[in-house]
Amino acid sequence: LTQLDFNPEKEIRNLELLKLRFGETLLHNCEVMLKDVRDSKRINAHILESSSFLTTDAASQDPTISALIVSSQFWPSFKKETMELPEEINKVFDRYKKSFEEYKGNRTLCWTPLNGKVTIEIEINDKKTEMTVTPAQATILMHSQNQKEWQLDKLSAVIKMPASVLRRRIGFWQVQGFIREPQENLFVLCEDTQAQSESMEAQSNVIIDE
């Protein structure tokens, strides 16, 4: 799941050899998982080109999305932890889900918002930085672009994430120098180079779980 450009062809050949050795029954789940990865690329391409997904001119301005669609009963369980995505991202997810339901009839999608990766471009004072981060890290920064200061408990309520977990994830941006904590449980977006440097220096000895 961490390798979104994964090509299943080699693994399918290995699976066929394993089935000869151990029988098909024991390897059924593996077969379904590889089929999911293979089929998902085709389904994803179809949805992204469908008229129901490309509904309006505004859709061209939305973030691009690429989904890996798996059969939940055949995969190990995902994290139970949840998170509320920003509204503009939820709109894209909802449009994708609607297109999937039209394509697949009686099936639907249940998103796991903490899984995956996000490529974002951060622009502060004409300085641009492109990074690949987790969905949780991207969500934190997206909320900071509309509101520069957040109390930990208020941001926790908006994102629907426990404050202790959210603090650890904000720590990633503190180490990067994009967010600082001028007073306890108050987090502020750094909008100049000096503030970024000070934030990075203050966090230099902090170990971040993320």
C-alpha atoms as a PDB file:
ATOM      1  CA  LEU A   1       0.000   0.000   0.000  1.00  0.00           C
ATOM      2  CA  THR A   2       2.930   2.352   0.502  1.00  0.00           C
ATOM      3  CA  GLN A   3       4.070   1.773  -3.080  1.00  0.00           C
ATOM      4  CA  LEU A   4       1.312   3.385  -5.122  1.00  0.00           C
ATOM      5  CA  ASP A   5       3.220   2.812  -8.378  1.00  0.00           C
ATOM      6  CA  PHE A   6       3.423  -0.914  -7.563  1.00  0.00           C
ATOM      7  CA  ASN A   7       3.280  -3.242 -10.591  1.00  0.00           C
ATOM      8  CA  PRO A   8       1.606  -6.554  -9.666  1.00  0.00           C
ATOM      9  CA  GLU A   9       2.743  -8.566 -12.705  1.00  0.00           C
ATOM     10  CA  LYS A  10       5.888  -9.969 -11.052  1.00  0.00           C
ATOM     11  CA  GLU A  11       3.972 -10.855  -7.876  1.00  0.00           C
ATOM     12  CA  ILE A  12       1.258 -12.573  -9.926  1.00  0.00           C
ATOM     13  CA  ARG A  13       3.907 -14.863 -11.453  1.00  0.00           C
ATOM     14  CA  ASN A  14       5.264 -15.640  -7.974  1.00  0.00           C
ATOM     15  CA  LEU A  15       1.730 -16.333  -6.752  1.00  0.00           C
ATOM     16  CA  GLU A  16       1.140 -18.900  -9.504  1.00  0.00           C
ATOM     17  CA  LEU A  17       4.298 -20.759  -8.413  1.00  0.00           C
ATOM     18  CA  LEU A  18       3.184 -20.680  -4.773  1.00  0.00           C
ATOM     19  CA  LYS A  19      -0.264 -22.028  -5.725  1.00  0.00           C
ATOM     20  CA  LEU A  20       1.378 -24.995  -7.423  1.00  0.00           C
ATOM     21  CA  ARG A  21       3.299 -25.712  -4.229  1.00  0.00           C
ATOM     22  CA  PHE A  22       0.688 -25.009  -1.535  1.00  0.00           C
ATOM     23  CA  GLY A  23      -2.675 -25.127  -3.334  1.00  0.00           C
ATOM     24  CA  GLU A  24      -5.116 -22.380  -4.244  1.00  0.00           C
ATOM     25  CA  THR A  25      -7.156 -22.327  -1.030  1.00  0.00           C
ATOM     26  CA  LEU A  26      -4.413 -20.975   1.228  1.00  0.00           C
ATOM     27  CA  LEU A  27      -3.506 -18.266  -1.275  1.00  0.00           C
ATOM     28  CA  HIS A  28      -6.992 -17.056  -2.185  1.00  0.00           C
ATOM     29  CA  ASN A  29      -6.691 -13.807  -0.215  1.00  0.00           C
ATOM     30  CA  CYS A  30      -3.347 -13.039  -1.855  1.00  0.00           C
ATOM     31  CA  GLU A  31      -4.909 -13.607  -5.263  1.00  0.00           C
ATOM     32  CA  VAL A  32      -7.775 -11.206  -4.507  1.00  0.00           C
ATOM     33  CA  MET A  33      -5.369  -8.550  -3.163  1.00  0.00           C
ATOM     34  CA  LEU A  34      -3.264  -8.629  -6.323  1.00  0.00           C
ATOM     35  CA  LYS A  35      -6.400  -8.582  -8.477  1.00  0.00           C
ATOM     36  CA  ASP A  36      -7.595  -5.521  -6.536  1.00  0.00           C
ATOM     37  CA  VAL A  37      -4.364  -3.647  -7.261  1.00  0.00           C
ATOM     38  CA  ARG A  38      -4.518  -4.552 -10.943  1.00  0.00           C
ATOM     39  CA  ASP A  39      -8.236  -3.774 -11.355  1.00  0.00           C
ATOM     40  CA  SER A  40      -7.960  -0.599  -9.311  1.00  0.00           C
ATOM     41  CA  LYS A  41      -5.688   1.029 -11.893  1.00  0.00           C
ATOM     42  CA  ARG A  42      -8.269   0.380 -14.615  1.00  0.00           C
ATOM     43  CA  ILE A  43     -11.223   1.559 -12.483  1.00  0.00           C
ATOM     44  CA  ASN A  44      -9.346   4.639 -11.322  1.00  0.00           C
ATOM     45  CA  ALA A  45      -8.464   5.633 -14.902  1.00  0.00           C
ATOM     46  CA  HIS A  46     -12.094   5.129 -15.993  1.00  0.00           C
ATOM     47  CA  ILE A  47     -13.484   7.299 -13.168  1.00  0.00           C
ATOM     48  CA  LEU A  48     -11.016  10.143 -13.715  1.00  0.00           C
ATOM     49  CA  GLU A  49     -12.079  10.323 -17.372  1.00  0.00           C
ATOM     50  CA  SER A  50     -15.833   9.916 -16.755  1.00  0.00           C
ATOM     51  CA  SER A  51     -18.244  12.793 -17.412  1.00  0.00           C
ATOM     52  CA  SER A  52     -19.820  12.384 -13.957  1.00  0.00           C
ATOM     53  CA  PHE A  53     -16.450  13.049 -12.295  1.00  0.00           C
ATOM     54  CA  LEU A  54     -15.526  15.934 -14.608  1.00  0.00           C
ATOM     55  CA  THR A  55     -18.838  17.648 -13.877  1.00  0.00           C
ATOM     56  CA  THR A  56     -17.998  21.351 -14.096  1.00  0.00           C
ATOM     57  CA  ASP A  57     -15.322  23.778 -15.183  1.00  0.00           C
ATOM     58  CA  ALA A  58     -14.528  24.228 -11.494  1.00  0.00           C
ATOM     59  CA  ALA A  59     -13.500  20.575 -11.326  1.00  0.00           C
ATOM     60  CA  SER A  60     -10.365  21.411 -13.299  1.00  0.00           C
ATOM     61  CA  GLN A  61      -9.256  23.616 -10.375  1.00  0.00           C
ATOM     62  CA  ASP A  62      -9.759  20.880  -7.779  1.00  0.00           C
ATOM     63  CA  PRO A  63      -6.880  18.820  -6.374  1.00  0.00           C
ATOM     64  CA  THR A  64      -6.170  15.716  -8.444  1.00  0.00           C
ATOM     65  CA  ILE A  65      -6.904  12.361  -6.818  1.00  0.00           C
ATOM     66  CA  SER A  66      -5.873   8.796  -7.502  1.00  0.00           C
ATOM     67  CA  ALA A  67      -7.443   6.004  -5.462  1.00  0.00           C
ATOM     68  CA  LEU A  68      -6.446   2.433  -4.708  1.00  0.00           C
ATOM     69  CA  ILE A  69      -9.687   0.454  -4.364  1.00  0.00           C
ATOM     70  CA  VAL A  70      -9.502  -2.753  -2.323  1.00  0.00           C
ATOM     71  CA  SER A  71     -11.942  -5.447  -1.171  1.00  0.00           C
ATOM     72  CA  SER A  72     -11.969  -4.884   2.581  1.00  0.00           C
ATOM     73  CA  GLN A  73     -12.785  -8.455   3.636  1.00  0.00           C
ATOM     74  CA  PHE A  74      -9.663  -9.841   1.948  1.00  0.00           C
ATOM     75  CA  TRP A  75      -7.139  -7.312   3.333  1.00  0.00           C
ATOM     76  CA  PRO A  76      -5.668  -6.858   6.818  1.00  0.00           C
ATOM     77  CA  SER A  77      -7.713  -4.343   8.839  1.00  0.00           C
ATOM     78  CA  PHE A  78      -6.843  -0.665   8.488  1.00  0.00           C
ATOM     79  CA  LYS A  79      -6.273   1.819  11.287  1.00  0.00           C
ATOM     80  CA  LYS A  80      -9.433   2.488  13.269  1.00  0.00           C
ATOM     81  CA  GLU A  81      -8.342   6.095  13.713  1.00  0.00           C
ATOM     82  CA  THR A  82     -10.383   8.638  11.740  1.00  0.00           C
ATOM     83  CA  MET A  83      -9.986  12.201  10.524  1.00  0.00           C
ATOM     84  CA  GLU A  84     -12.204  14.870   8.969  1.00  0.00           C
ATOM     85  CA  LEU A  85     -10.767  16.076   5.672  1.00  0.00           C
ATOM     86  CA  PRO A  86     -11.020  19.742   4.582  1.00  0.00           C
ATOM     87  CA  GLU A  87     -14.259  20.580   2.778  1.00  0.00           C
ATOM     88  CA  GLU A  88     -12.624  21.158  -0.622  1.00  0.00           C
ATOM     89  CA  ILE A  89     -11.032  17.690  -0.447  1.00  0.00           C
ATOM     90  CA  ASN A  90     -14.251  16.037   0.725  1.00  0.00           C
ATOM     91  CA  LYS A  91     -16.040  17.433  -2.344  1.00  0.00           C
ATOM     92  CA  VAL A  92     -13.560  15.687  -4.644  1.00  0.00           C
ATOM     93  CA  PHE A  93     -13.872  12.442  -2.652  1.00  0.00           C
ATOM     94  CA  ASP A  94     -17.669  12.612  -2.835  1.00  0.00           C
ATOM     95  CA  ARG A  95     -17.595  13.191  -6.591  1.00  0.00           C
ATOM     96  CA  TYR A  96     -15.223  10.238  -7.029  1.00  0.00           C
ATOM     97  CA  LYS A  97     -17.472   8.040  -4.876  1.00  0.00           C
ATOM     98  CA  LYS A  98     -20.563   8.997  -6.907  1.00  0.00           C
ATOM     99  CA  SER A  99     -18.760   8.152 -10.166  1.00  0.00           C
ATOM    100  CA  PHE A 100     -17.684   4.788  -8.717  1.00  0.00           C
ATOM    101  CA  GLU A 101     -21.265   3.964  -7.672  1.00  0.00           C
ATOM    102  CA  GLU A 102     -22.524   4.784 -11.179  1.00  0.00           C
ATOM    103  CA  TYR A 103     -19.844   2.565 -12.685  1.00  0.00           C
ATOM    104  CA  LYS A 104     -20.214  -0.374 -10.259  1.00  0.00           C
ATOM    105  CA  GLY A 105     -23.957  -0.339  -9.622  1.00  0.00           C
ATOM    106  CA  ASN A 106     -24.601  -1.824  -6.163  1.00  0.00           C
ATOM    107  CA  ARG A 107     -21.133  -1.128  -4.712  1.00  0.00           C
ATOM    108  CA  THR A 108     -19.806   1.899  -2.862  1.00  0.00           C
ATOM    109  CA  LEU A 109     -16.562   3.200  -1.345  1.00  0.00           C
ATOM    110  CA  CYS A 110     -15.575   3.668   2.304  1.00  0.00           C
ATOM    111  CA  TRP A 111     -12.571   5.995   2.453  1.00  0.00           C
ATOM    112  CA  THR A 112      -9.658   5.484   4.853  1.00  0.00           C
ATOM    113  CA  PRO A 113      -8.470   9.111   5.036  1.00  0.00           C
ATOM    114  CA  LEU A 114      -5.309   8.422   7.049  1.00  0.00           C
ATOM    115  CA  ASN A 115      -3.870   6.148   4.352  1.00  0.00           C
ATOM    116  CA  GLY A 116      -2.053   7.354   1.258  1.00  0.00           C
ATOM    117  CA  LYS A 117       0.197  10.269   0.436  1.00  0.00           C
ATOM    118  CA  VAL A 118      -0.282  13.863  -0.648  1.00  0.00           C
ATOM    119  CA  THR A 119       1.953  15.994  -2.827  1.00  0.00           C
ATOM    120  CA  ILE A 120       1.550  19.647  -1.871  1.00  0.00           C
ATOM    121  CA  GLU A 121       3.170  22.914  -2.894  1.00  0.00           C
ATOM    122  CA  ILE A 122       3.698  25.405  -0.077  1.00  0.00           C
ATOM    123  CA  GLU A 123       4.131  29.066  -1.020  1.00  0.00           C
ATOM    124  CA  ILE A 124       5.119  31.594   1.627  1.00  0.00           C
ATOM    125  CA  ASN A 125       6.384  35.059   0.576  1.00  0.00           C
ATOM    126  CA  ASP A 126       7.051  33.922  -3.011  1.00  0.00           C
ATOM    127  CA  LYS A 127       9.115  30.966  -1.789  1.00  0.00           C
ATOM    128  CA  LYS A 128       7.713  27.657  -3.068  1.00  0.00           C
ATOM    129  CA  THR A 129       8.401  24.242  -1.546  1.00  0.00           C
ATOM    130  CA  GLU A 130       7.014  20.953  -2.851  1.00  0.00           C
ATOM    131  CA  MET A 131       6.666  18.107  -0.365  1.00  0.00           C
ATOM    132  CA  THR A 132       5.100  14.641  -0.174  1.00  0.00           C
ATOM    133  CA  VAL A 133       3.399  14.183   3.187  1.00  0.00           C
ATOM    134  CA  THR A 134       0.697  12.122   4.912  1.00  0.00           C
ATOM    135  CA  PRO A 135      -2.984  13.104   4.560  1.00  0.00           C
ATOM    136  CA  ALA A 136      -3.020  14.172   8.224  1.00  0.00           C
ATOM    137  CA  GLN A 137      -0.019  16.474   7.759  1.00  0.00           C
ATOM    138  CA  ALA A 138      -1.556  17.986   4.617  1.00  0.00           C
ATOM    139  CA  THR A 139      -4.877  18.552   6.405  1.00  0.00           C
ATOM    140  CA  ILE A 140      -3.180  20.440   9.241  1.00  0.00           C
ATOM    141  CA  LEU A 141      -1.434  22.808   6.837  1.00  0.00           C
ATOM    142  CA  MET A 142      -4.561  23.337   4.707  1.00  0.00           C
ATOM    143  CA  HIS A 143      -6.431  24.570   7.773  1.00  0.00           C
ATOM    144  CA  SER A 144      -3.521  26.918   8.532  1.00  0.00           C
ATOM    145  CA  GLN A 145      -3.790  28.641   5.148  1.00  0.00           C
ATOM    146  CA  ASN A 146      -7.244  30.025   6.016  1.00  0.00           C
ATOM    147  CA  GLN A 147      -6.608  30.645   9.703  1.00  0.00           C
ATOM    148  CA  LYS A 148      -3.044  31.463  10.764  1.00  0.00           C
ATOM    149  CA  GLU A 149      -3.486  30.675  14.479  1.00  0.00           C
ATOM    150  CA  TRP A 150      -5.138  27.639  16.057  1.00  0.00           C
ATOM    151  CA  GLN A 151      -5.723  26.558  19.616  1.00  0.00           C
ATOM    152  CA  LEU A 152      -4.945  22.842  19.852  1.00  0.00           C
ATOM    153  CA  ASP A 153      -8.382  21.883  21.183  1.00  0.00           C
ATOM    154  CA  LYS A 154     -10.243  23.859  18.481  1.00  0.00           C
ATOM    155  CA  LEU A 155      -8.224  22.367  15.623  1.00  0.00           C
ATOM    156  CA  SER A 156      -8.684  18.947  17.238  1.00  0.00           C
ATOM    157  CA  ALA A 157     -12.470  19.436  17.128  1.00  0.00           C
ATOM    158  CA  VAL A 158     -12.423  20.553  13.471  1.00  0.00           C
ATOM    159  CA  ILE A 159     -10.226  17.670  12.274  1.00  0.00           C
ATOM    160  CA  LYS A 160     -11.882  15.223  14.713  1.00  0.00           C
ATOM    161  CA  MET A 161      -8.574  13.902  15.948  1.00  0.00           C
ATOM    162  CA  PRO A 162      -7.491  13.446  19.601  1.00  0.00           C
ATOM    163  CA  ALA A 163      -5.432  16.428  20.782  1.00  0.00           C
ATOM    164  CA  SER A 164      -2.508  14.225  21.853  1.00  0.00           C
ATOM    165  CA  VAL A 165      -2.306  12.651  18.386  1.00  0.00           C
ATOM    166  CA  LEU A 166      -2.772  16.006  16.639  1.00  0.00           C
ATOM    167  CA  ARG A 167       0.061  17.572  18.660  1.00  0.00           C
ATOM    168  CA  ARG A 168       2.467  14.872  17.461  1.00  0.00           C
ATOM    169  CA  ARG A 169       1.455  15.470  13.856  1.00  0.00           C
ATOM    170  CA  ILE A 170       1.795  19.237  14.166  1.00  0.00           C
ATOM    171  CA  GLY A 171       5.309  18.472  15.425  1.00  0.00           C
ATOM    172  CA  PHE A 172       6.261  17.467  11.879  1.00  0.00           C
ATOM    173  CA  TRP A 173       5.560  21.016  10.656  1.00  0.00           C
ATOM    174  CA  GLN A 174       7.368  22.509  13.640  1.00  0.00           C
ATOM    175  CA  VAL A 175      10.505  20.576  12.709  1.00  0.00           C
ATOM    176  CA  GLN A 176      10.114  21.735   9.092  1.00  0.00           C
ATOM    177  CA  GLY A 177       9.861  25.329  10.338  1.00  0.00           C
ATOM    178  CA  PHE A 178       6.368  26.069   8.997  1.00  0.00           C
ATOM    179  CA  ILE A 179       4.496  26.152  12.325  1.00  0.00           C
ATOM    180  CA  ARG A 180       5.620  27.442  15.735  1.00  0.00           C
ATOM    181  CA  GLU A 181       4.167  27.302  19.238  1.00  0.00           C
ATOM    182  CA  PRO A 182       4.611  30.771  20.817  1.00  0.00           C
ATOM    183  CA  GLN A 183       2.629  29.707  23.870  1.00  0.00           C
ATOM    184  CA  GLU A 184       1.386  26.374  25.130  1.00  0.00           C
ATOM    185  CA  ASN A 185      -1.235  24.779  22.857  1.00  0.00           C
ATOM    186  CA  LEU A 186      -1.277  27.770  20.457  1.00  0.00           C
ATOM    187  CA  PHE A 187       0.111  27.031  16.997  1.00  0.00           C
ATOM    188  CA  VAL A 188       0.921  29.754  14.464  1.00  0.00           C
ATOM    189  CA  LEU A 189       1.832  29.557  10.781  1.00  0.00           C
ATOM    190  CA  CYS A 190       5.337  30.950  10.124  1.00  0.00           C
ATOM    191  CA  GLU A 191       5.126  33.509   7.313  1.00  0.00           C
ATOM    192  CA  ASP A 192       8.718  34.737   7.209  1.00  0.00           C
ATOM    193  CA  THR A 193      12.168  33.154   6.999  1.00  0.00           C
ATOM    194  CA  GLN A 194      13.308  34.325  10.430  1.00  0.00           C
ATOM    195  CA  ALA A 195      10.270  32.822  12.155  1.00  0.00           C
ATOM    196  CA  GLN A 196      10.853  29.561  10.282  1.00  0.00           C
ATOM    197  CA  SER A 197      14.495  29.443  11.387  1.00  0.00           C
ATOM    198  CA  GLU A 198      13.554  30.138  15.005  1.00  0.00           C
ATOM    199  CA  SER A 199      10.895  27.412  14.915  1.00  0.00           C
ATOM    200  CA  MET A 200      13.343  24.886  13.464  1.00  0.00           C
ATOM    201  CA  GLU A 201      15.983  25.784  16.062  1.00  0.00           C
ATOM    202  CA  ALA A 202      13.476  25.468  18.910  1.00  0.00           C
ATOM    203  CA  GLN A 203      12.517  22.009  17.712  1.00  0.00           C
ATOM    204  CA  SER A 204      16.021  20.783  16.930  1.00  0.00           C
ATOM    205  CA  ASN A 205      16.163  18.478  19.965  1.00  0.00           C
ATOM    206  CA  VAL A 206      12.581  17.219  19.754  1.00  0.00           C
ATOM    207  CA  ILE A 207      11.907  13.656  18.573  1.00  0.00           C
ATOM    208  CA  ILE A 208       8.802  13.446  16.406  1.00  0.00           C
ATOM    209  CA  ASP A 209       6.889  10.156  16.128  1.00  0.00           C
ATOM    210  CA  GLU A 210       5.659  10.884  12.641  1.00  0.00           C
END
